[in-house]
C-alpha cells in the first residue's frame, strides 16, 4: 500500500540516519603513483584555488543574474549555519553586500568609473565565495542553473552574443578547475591505496573502501591550504581515514550504532578492560571515571555493549533474538499521523513563506492536492526546474533541522 502524502512529507523532514555520500569511481588499471613533492603540491594547490576564484568571478560577471547568484550563495551559507554542517567554513557577507551596492550604482549611472568599481567588487566577492565553497559544490549548482532555458527566472535574448560568451567563459573556467583537481587526485592514488590496505580485515569490501577513501581525498583536495605549511599527504591522510572508518562503522555491523557513539564505545570498552586487569569491579561509576564520560552516557553504552547479535538466532543477555524484538504488526504510519510528531510537522508548514509552502504542498500532494513535477511548479512561479529543486531541498533542510531540535537526532528510526 502506498504511503499517504502526509506520511511522505513527515519522512522527508526527518533526519536521515546516514550522511549523503558522493561516489567517485577509480579505474581498475590505475597504478600506484609516487607522492608529489612539496613544491608540486604548492603549485597544484595554488593553481586549483586560482581557477576556482576565476570560476566564481566569471559566474558573478553577468549583471542580469549576478544578484540571484549572490542570493543562492547566501541561502546555502545560511542553511549550512542552521544545520551546523561546517564549523570552519564561514561566508564573509561584507564583500557580497559591497558588490550589490556597486551593481546598483552601475545600473543607475553606468560609466567607466562604476565599471571599474563593480569589477573590483566582483573580484572581492569571488574570493569570499572561494573561502566558503572550497569544493566548488555551489559553483557547480550555479553552472547547472545558468544552462537552463530560464536561469534564475531570467530569459536571455535569443542569440545574445554576450550571454553566449558568458556561458563559454564559465565552462572554460570549470574545465580548467576540473583538470587541476583531477590531477591532484590522481597523483595521490598511492596514498589512498596505502591507507585502505590497513583495513583489509574489515567486513567491508575493498572496492567500497576505495570509493570512500577517494571521496575523502576529494574533500582534502578542496580544503587544503598550502599557506599553512603542511604537506598535503599529512592533511589528506586524516580525511581519508575519517571517510574509511566512518563507512566501516556504518556498514560493518548488522545492528548499526550511531557513528558519534563509536569513539565513546571504544573508550568505554578500554576502560572496562583496564579495570578488569587491575582486579577492580567494573561498575558504571568507575567506568565513567576512568573513561572520562558522563554517567548517563555510560549507562547508554552499557546497553550497546551487552546487546550484540551475531546471527538472527543469537540471543542477547535477556534471552531475546532480533526477531523477538521486531514487531510485525506495528502501524508506523497510523501512529505517526495521529501522534505529536505529525502535529508538529504539520505546524512547521505554517512557518514557511507562501511560495515555499506552495512548493512543498505541490511536491508532496498535501492539503488534498495532486503531486506536481518540478517543471510544472517552475512554470507557475516563473522559475527553472533546477531552481525549484534547490528551493525544495533548502526548505526540507530547514524543516529537518527544526524537527531534529524538537525530537532529537534519532527520530527517523521509528519510521525507517
Protein backbone atom coordinates (compact mmCIF):
# COMPACT_ATOMS: atom_id res chain seq x y z
CA UNK A 1 0.00 0.00 0.00
CA UNK A 2 1.39 3.42 -0.93
CA UNK A 3 2.13 5.84 1.87
CA UNK A 4 -0.17 8.85 2.22
CA UNK A 5 1.11 12.33 1.20
CA UNK A 6 1.19 13.41 4.85
CA UNK A 7 3.30 10.41 5.83
CA UNK A 8 5.68 11.00 2.87
CA UNK A 9 6.13 14.63 3.94
CA UNK A 10 6.85 13.60 7.53
CA UNK A 11 9.50 11.11 6.39
CA UNK A 12 11.11 13.79 4.17
CA UNK A 13 11.72 16.27 7.01
CA UNK A 14 13.01 13.67 9.45
CA UNK A 15 16.81 13.49 9.75
CA UNK A 16 18.46 10.82 7.66
CA UNK A 17 20.46 8.21 9.61
CA UNK A 18 23.48 8.50 7.33
CA UNK A 19 25.10 11.37 5.55
CA UNK A 20 24.69 11.58 1.84
CA UNK A 21 27.93 10.44 0.17
CA UNK A 22 29.40 11.22 -3.25
CA UNK A 23 30.70 8.15 -5.06
CA UNK A 24 33.88 8.60 -7.12
CA UNK A 25 34.93 5.60 -9.22
CA UNK A 26 38.55 4.74 -9.92
CA UNK A 27 39.88 2.87 -12.93
CA UNK A 28 40.99 -0.68 -12.13
CA UNK A 29 44.06 -0.06 -14.25
CA UNK A 30 45.26 2.80 -12.04
CA UNK A 31 48.71 2.02 -10.73
CA UNK A 32 50.32 3.21 -7.59
CA UNK A 33 51.86 6.61 -8.25
CA UNK A 34 54.50 8.38 -6.21
CA UNK A 35 53.51 11.26 -3.92
CA UNK A 36 54.07 14.82 -5.05
CA UNK A 37 56.94 16.89 -3.77
CA UNK A 38 56.17 19.86 -1.53
CA UNK A 39 56.86 22.27 -4.41
CA UNK A 40 54.49 20.42 -6.75
CA UNK A 41 51.81 20.39 -4.07
CA UNK A 42 52.18 24.14 -3.65
CA UNK A 43 51.90 24.73 -7.39
CA UNK A 44 48.87 22.49 -7.86
CA UNK A 45 47.04 23.84 -4.80
CA UNK A 46 47.70 27.44 -5.86
CA UNK A 47 46.55 26.74 -9.42
CA UNK A 48 43.42 24.99 -8.13
CA UNK A 49 42.46 27.92 -5.90
CA UNK A 50 43.22 30.38 -8.72
CA UNK A 51 40.94 28.53 -11.13
CA UNK A 52 38.16 28.31 -8.54
CA UNK A 53 38.42 32.07 -7.99
CA UNK A 54 38.31 32.57 -11.77
CA UNK A 55 35.22 30.34 -11.98
CA UNK A 56 33.39 32.34 -9.32
CA UNK A 57 34.44 35.64 -10.91
CA UNK A 58 33.01 34.50 -14.24
CA UNK A 59 29.81 33.28 -12.57
CA UNK A 60 29.32 36.73 -11.00
CA UNK A 61 30.33 38.73 -14.06
CA UNK A 62 26.91 38.74 -15.82
CA UNK A 63 24.89 41.61 -14.22
CA UNK A 64 21.34 40.33 -15.02
CA UNK A 65 21.78 37.23 -12.84
CA UNK A 66 24.69 38.23 -10.56
CA UNK A 67 22.41 39.25 -7.70
CA UNK A 68 20.48 35.95 -7.98
CA UNK A 69 23.80 34.07 -7.73
CA UNK A 70 24.67 36.05 -4.59
CA UNK A 71 21.24 35.19 -3.13
CA UNK A 72 21.82 31.49 -3.78
CA UNK A 73 25.27 31.67 -2.17
CA UNK A 74 23.87 33.35 0.94
CA UNK A 75 20.99 30.85 1.13
CA UNK A 76 23.46 27.97 1.09
CA UNK A 77 25.57 29.66 3.78
CA UNK A 78 22.52 30.22 6.00
CA UNK A 79 21.38 26.61 5.53
CA UNK A 80 24.87 25.35 6.45
CA UNK A 81 24.94 27.57 9.54
CA UNK A 82 21.50 26.40 10.72
CA UNK A 83 22.30 22.74 10.23
CA UNK A 84 25.83 23.22 11.68
CA UNK A 85 27.35 21.21 8.83
CA UNK A 86 30.62 23.12 8.93
CA UNK A 87 32.31 24.85 11.85
CA UNK A 88 35.33 26.07 9.86
CA UNK A 89 33.94 27.34 6.55
CA UNK A 90 32.10 30.64 7.02
CA UNK A 91 30.89 33.05 4.35
CA UNK A 92 32.02 36.67 4.66
CA UNK A 93 28.89 38.59 3.59
CA UNK A 94 30.51 42.06 3.56
CA UNK A 95 32.06 41.66 0.06
CA UNK A 96 28.73 40.36 -1.24
CA UNK A 97 26.92 43.42 0.14
CA UNK A 98 29.57 45.69 -1.41
CA UNK A 99 29.02 44.05 -4.79
CA UNK A 100 25.25 44.58 -4.51
CA UNK A 101 25.80 48.30 -3.93
CA UNK A 102 28.30 48.57 -6.78
CA UNK A 103 25.93 46.72 -9.11
CA UNK A 104 23.06 49.05 -8.20
CA UNK A 105 25.19 52.17 -8.79
CA UNK A 106 26.31 50.86 -12.15
CA UNK A 107 22.70 50.08 -13.13
CA UNK A 108 21.55 53.63 -12.29
CA UNK A 109 24.52 55.55 -13.78
CA UNK A 110 26.76 53.34 -15.91
CA UNK A 111 30.15 54.83 -16.82
CA UNK A 112 33.83 53.85 -16.71
CA UNK A 113 34.13 54.62 -13.01
CA UNK A 114 31.24 52.36 -11.98
CA UNK A 115 32.53 49.59 -14.25
CA UNK A 116 35.91 49.70 -12.51
CA UNK A 117 34.30 49.70 -9.06
CA UNK A 118 31.97 46.82 -10.00
CA UNK A 119 34.86 44.75 -11.32
CA UNK A 120 36.85 45.24 -8.11
CA UNK A 121 33.79 44.37 -6.01
CA UNK A 122 33.20 41.24 -8.11
CA UNK A 123 36.80 40.11 -7.54
CA UNK A 124 36.40 40.55 -3.78
CA UNK A 125 33.06 38.73 -3.76
CA UNK A 126 34.59 35.87 -5.77
CA UNK A 127 37.36 35.50 -3.17
CA UNK A 128 34.74 35.40 -0.40
CA UNK A 129 32.84 32.71 -2.31
CA UNK A 130 36.01 30.64 -2.71
CA UNK A 131 36.62 30.80 1.04
CA UNK A 132 33.22 29.21 1.66
CA UNK A 133 32.79 26.96 -1.40
CA UNK A 134 36.14 25.17 -1.24
CA UNK A 135 34.97 22.08 -3.15
CA UNK A 136 33.03 24.02 -5.84
CA UNK A 137 29.73 22.33 -4.93
CA UNK A 138 27.76 25.59 -5.02
CA UNK A 139 29.61 26.77 -8.13
CA UNK A 140 28.52 23.59 -9.86
CA UNK A 141 24.90 24.26 -8.83
CA UNK A 142 25.09 27.74 -10.34
CA UNK A 143 26.72 26.40 -13.50
CA UNK A 144 23.87 23.91 -13.98
CA UNK A 145 21.28 26.59 -13.29
CA UNK A 146 22.58 29.01 -15.93
CA UNK A 147 22.41 26.21 -18.52
CA UNK A 148 18.62 26.10 -18.05
CA UNK A 149 16.32 27.93 -20.51
CA UNK A 150 15.37 30.43 -17.77
CA UNK A 151 18.36 30.76 -15.42
CA UNK A 152 17.15 32.21 -12.10
CA UNK A 153 13.97 33.36 -13.86
CA UNK A 154 15.91 35.47 -16.38
CA UNK A 155 15.14 34.97 -20.08
CA UNK A 156 18.25 35.69 -22.21
CA UNK A 157 17.68 37.42 -25.52
CA UNK A 158 17.67 34.90 -28.35
CA UNK A 159 21.09 34.68 -29.98
CA UNK A 160 22.65 37.02 -27.40
CA UNK A 161 26.41 37.10 -28.05
CA UNK A 162 27.10 38.49 -24.56
CA UNK A 163 25.29 35.66 -22.79
CA UNK A 164 26.90 33.08 -25.09
CA UNK A 165 30.34 34.49 -24.25
CA UNK A 166 29.43 34.42 -20.55
CA UNK A 167 28.45 30.74 -20.77
CA UNK A 168 31.65 29.92 -22.64
CA UNK A 169 33.89 31.65 -20.08
CA UNK A 170 32.15 29.83 -17.20
CA UNK A 171 32.51 26.45 -18.90
CA UNK A 172 36.19 27.02 -19.73
CA UNK A 173 36.94 28.04 -16.13
CA UNK A 174 35.13 24.96 -14.82
CA UNK A 175 37.03 22.62 -17.13
CA UNK A 176 40.36 24.11 -16.05
CA UNK A 177 39.35 23.70 -12.41
CA UNK A 178 38.42 20.03 -13.02
CA UNK A 179 41.75 19.43 -14.76
CA UNK A 180 43.80 20.64 -11.77
CA UNK A 181 41.55 18.91 -9.23
CA UNK A 182 41.66 15.56 -11.06
CA UNK A 183 45.43 15.85 -11.48
CA UNK A 184 45.79 16.42 -7.76
CA UNK A 185 43.60 13.39 -7.01
CA UNK A 186 45.33 11.07 -9.50
CA UNK A 187 48.77 11.95 -8.14
CA UNK A 188 47.68 10.76 -4.69
CA UNK A 189 46.16 7.39 -5.57
CA UNK A 190 49.18 5.77 -3.96
CA UNK A 191 48.35 7.44 -0.64
CA UNK A 192 44.76 6.17 -0.87
CA UNK A 193 45.85 2.60 -1.55
CA UNK A 194 48.39 2.56 1.27
CA UNK A 195 45.74 3.66 3.80
CA UNK A 196 42.97 1.37 2.54
CA UNK A 197 45.27 -1.68 2.83
CA UNK A 198 45.32 -1.22 6.59
CA UNK A 199 41.59 -2.03 6.71
CA UNK A 200 41.68 -5.21 4.60
CA UNK A 201 40.47 -7.31 7.55
CA UNK A 202 37.26 -5.30 7.94
CA UNK A 203 33.90 -6.73 6.91
CA UNK A 204 33.50 -4.15 4.12
CA UNK A 205 34.75 -4.88 0.60
CA UNK A 206 37.96 -3.24 -0.61
CA UNK A 207 36.12 -1.67 -3.57
CA UNK A 208 33.71 0.15 -1.26
CA UNK A 209 36.53 1.30 0.98
CA UNK A 210 38.46 2.58 -2.03
CA UNK A 211 35.49 4.64 -3.19
CA UNK A 212 35.02 6.15 0.26
CA UNK A 213 38.75 6.85 0.52
CA UNK A 214 38.71 8.74 -2.78
CA UNK A 215 35.72 10.69 -1.51
CA UNK A 216 37.81 11.71 1.50
CA UNK A 217 40.73 12.56 -0.78
CA UNK A 218 38.47 14.81 -2.88
CA UNK A 219 37.40 16.64 0.29
CA UNK A 220 41.04 17.10 1.26
CA UNK A 221 41.95 18.48 -2.17
CA UNK A 222 39.21 21.09 -1.91
CA UNK A 223 40.07 22.18 1.64
CA UNK A 224 43.87 22.03 1.51
CA UNK A 225 45.55 25.36 2.26
CA UNK A 226 49.25 25.32 1.25
CA UNK A 227 49.93 28.58 3.13
CA UNK A 228 49.74 26.76 6.47
CA UNK A 229 52.97 24.91 5.73
CA UNK A 230 51.72 21.30 5.99
CA UNK A 231 52.37 18.61 3.40
CA UNK A 232 49.25 17.54 1.55
CA UNK A 233 49.80 13.86 2.38
CA UNK A 234 49.72 14.70 6.10
CA UNK A 235 46.49 16.65 5.75
CA UNK A 236 44.81 14.23 3.33
CA UNK A 237 45.58 11.16 5.45
CA UNK A 238 43.18 12.39 8.13
CA UNK A 239 40.34 12.93 5.64
CA UNK A 240 40.91 9.54 4.01
CA UNK A 241 40.99 7.66 7.32
CA UNK A 242 37.92 9.57 8.50
CA UNK A 243 35.93 8.62 5.39
CA UNK A 244 37.02 4.96 5.55
CA UNK A 245 36.41 4.44 9.28
CA UNK A 246 33.06 6.21 9.12
CA UNK A 247 31.97 3.92 6.28
CA UNK A 248 33.12 0.84 8.21
CA UNK A 249 31.20 1.94 11.31
CA UNK A 250 28.07 2.50 9.21
CA UNK A 251 28.18 -0.75 7.23
CA UNK A 252 30.15 -3.37 9.16
CA UNK A 253 27.61 -4.02 11.95
CA UNK A 254 24.33 -5.84 11.42
CA UNK A 255 22.72 -3.59 14.04
CA UNK A 256 24.01 -0.10 13.31
CA UNK A 257 25.41 2.05 16.10
CA UNK A 258 25.41 5.83 15.54
CA UNK A 259 28.83 6.99 14.37
CA UNK A 260 29.14 9.64 17.09
CA UNK A 261 28.90 6.86 19.71
CA UNK A 262 31.62 4.63 18.22
CA UNK A 263 34.56 6.53 19.75
CA UNK A 264 32.80 6.72 23.09
CA UNK A 265 32.07 3.00 22.94
CA UNK A 266 35.77 2.30 22.29
CA UNK A 267 36.69 4.37 25.36
CA UNK A 268 34.04 2.51 27.37
CA UNK A 269 35.42 -0.93 26.37
CA UNK A 270 39.02 0.18 27.02
CA UNK A 271 38.11 1.46 30.49
CA UNK A 272 36.26 -1.76 31.27
CA UNK A 273 39.26 -3.84 30.20
CA UNK A 274 41.64 -1.68 32.25
CA UNK A 275 39.55 -2.14 35.39
CA UNK A 276 39.43 -5.92 34.79
CA UNK A 277 43.25 -6.04 34.54
CA UNK A 278 43.56 -4.18 37.83
CA UNK A 279 41.14 -6.59 39.50
CA UNK A 280 38.54 -3.93 40.18
CA UNK A 281 34.82 -4.32 39.74
CA UNK A 282 33.70 -2.51 36.59
CA UNK A 283 30.79 -0.52 37.96
CA UNK A 284 29.24 2.23 35.88
CA UNK A 285 30.61 4.88 38.23
CA UNK A 286 34.19 3.59 37.92
CA UNK A 287 33.91 3.19 34.14
CA UNK A 288 32.63 6.77 33.83
CA UNK A 289 35.58 7.97 35.94
CA UNK A 290 38.25 6.04 34.01
CA UNK A 291 36.79 6.72 30.54
CA UNK A 292 36.05 10.38 31.44
CA UNK A 293 32.46 10.05 30.25
CA UNK A 294 29.18 11.21 31.84
CA UNK A 295 27.41 8.53 33.86
CA UNK A 296 24.31 8.86 31.67
CA UNK A 297 26.42 8.12 28.58
CA UNK A 298 27.99 5.06 30.27
CA UNK A 299 24.53 3.65 31.00
CA UNK A 300 23.61 4.07 27.34
CA UNK A 301 26.87 2.48 26.13
CA UNK A 302 26.31 -0.43 28.51
CA UNK A 303 23.17 -1.32 26.55
CA UNK A 304 25.09 -1.21 23.26
CA UNK A 305 27.89 -3.42 24.55
CA UNK A 306 25.52 -6.03 26.02
CA UNK A 307 23.12 -6.28 23.08
CA UNK A 308 25.38 -7.63 20.33
CA UNK A 309 23.87 -10.07 17.85
CA UNK A 310 25.94 -12.29 15.62
CA UNK A 311 23.03 -14.01 13.82
CA UNK A 312 19.25 -13.82 13.59
CA UNK A 313 19.01 -16.74 16.07
CA UNK A 314 21.55 -15.41 18.58
CA UNK A 315 20.13 -14.25 21.89
CA UNK A 316 21.12 -11.23 23.91
CA UNK A 317 21.58 -11.04 27.70
CA UNK A 318 17.78 -11.03 28.12
CA UNK A 319 17.32 -14.20 26.08
CA UNK A 320 15.77 -12.36 23.11
CA UNK A 321 16.69 -12.67 19.44
CA UNK A 322 16.44 -9.91 16.86
CA UNK A 323 13.20 -11.45 15.55
CA UNK A 324 11.74 -11.44 19.07
CA UNK A 325 12.24 -7.68 19.27
CA UNK A 326 10.80 -6.80 15.86
CA UNK A 327 7.04 -6.17 15.82
CA UNK A 328 5.46 -7.16 12.52
CA UNK A 329 2.09 -5.63 13.19
CA UNK A 330 3.16 -2.16 14.32
CA UNK A 331 1.47 0.53 12.22
CA UNK A 332 4.15 3.21 11.91
CA UNK A 333 2.12 5.34 9.54
CA UNK A 334 -1.03 5.26 11.64
CA UNK A 335 0.88 6.02 14.84
CA UNK A 336 2.70 8.97 13.29
CA UNK A 337 -0.33 10.55 11.65
CA UNK A 338 -2.16 10.62 14.98
CA UNK A 339 0.80 11.50 17.18
CA UNK A 340 2.68 14.58 18.32
CA UNK A 341 5.38 14.15 15.66
CA UNK A 342 2.85 14.62 12.91
CA UNK A 343 1.17 17.56 14.63
CA UNK A 344 4.49 19.33 14.98
CA UNK A 345 5.43 18.55 11.35
CA UNK A 346 2.11 19.99 10.17
CA UNK A 347 2.65 23.16 12.22
CA UNK A 348 6.05 23.65 10.55
CA UNK A 349 4.29 24.27 7.23
CA UNK A 350 2.76 27.44 8.63
CA UNK A 351 6.24 28.90 9.28
CA UNK A 352 7.06 28.88 5.55
CA UNK A 353 6.58 31.71 3.08
CA UNK A 354 3.62 31.35 0.67
CA UNK A 355 5.92 30.33 -2.20
CA UNK A 356 7.77 27.74 -0.09
CA UNK A 357 4.50 26.36 1.27
CA UNK A 358 3.11 26.05 -2.25
CA UNK A 359 6.22 24.20 -3.49
CA UNK A 360 6.21 21.70 -0.59
CA UNK A 361 2.44 21.15 -0.77
CA UNK A 362 2.60 20.57 -4.53
CA UNK A 363 5.59 18.23 -4.33
CA UNK A 364 4.08 16.01 -1.59
CA UNK A 365 0.41 16.37 -2.56
CA UNK A 366 -0.60 17.95 0.75
CA UNK A 367 -3.96 19.59 1.54
CA UNK A 368 -5.82 17.44 -0.96
CA UNK A 369 -3.66 18.49 -3.94
CA UNK A 370 -2.17 16.20 -6.55
CA UNK A 371 1.60 15.77 -6.68
CA UNK A 372 3.21 18.02 -9.29
CA UNK A 373 6.50 17.85 -11.15
CA UNK A 374 9.33 20.34 -10.75
CA UNK A 375 8.71 21.59 -14.28
CA UNK A 376 5.03 22.34 -13.62
CA UNK A 377 5.74 24.16 -10.37
CA UNK A 378 8.54 26.14 -12.04
CA UNK A 379 6.21 27.32 -14.80
CA UNK A 380 3.72 28.57 -12.23
CA UNK A 381 6.36 30.56 -10.34
CA UNK A 382 8.39 31.65 -13.36
CA UNK A 383 11.46 29.69 -12.26
CA UNK A 384 13.51 26.87 -13.75
CA UNK A 385 13.11 23.26 -12.72
CA UNK A 386 16.59 23.26 -11.15
CA UNK A 387 15.80 26.35 -9.06
CA UNK A 388 12.58 24.76 -7.76
CA UNK A 389 14.59 21.65 -6.82
CA UNK A 390 17.10 23.83 -4.93
CA UNK A 391 14.33 25.67 -3.09
CA UNK A 392 12.65 22.38 -2.15
CA UNK A 393 15.94 20.96 -0.83
CA UNK A 394 16.67 24.16 1.13
CA UNK A 395 13.20 24.20 2.73
CA UNK A 396 13.35 20.50 3.65
CA UNK A 397 16.80 21.01 5.18
CA UNK A 398 15.46 23.87 7.30
CA UNK A 399 12.41 21.87 8.38
CA UNK A 400 14.56 18.84 9.12
CA UNK A 401 16.78 20.96 11.38
CA UNK A 402 13.75 22.30 13.31
CA UNK A 403 12.28 18.80 13.58
CA UNK A 404 15.56 17.44 14.93
CA UNK A 405 15.79 20.19 17.56
CA UNK A 406 12.28 19.30 18.72
CA UNK A 407 12.52 15.50 18.66
CA UNK A 408 16.20 14.54 18.71
CA UNK A 409 18.56 13.16 16.01
CA UNK A 410 17.35 9.54 16.10
CA UNK A 411 13.65 10.17 15.49
CA UNK A 412 13.79 8.63 11.99
CA UNK A 413 14.46 5.21 13.48
CA UNK A 414 10.74 4.99 14.26
CA UNK A 415 9.73 5.18 10.61
CA UNK A 416 12.78 3.83 8.75
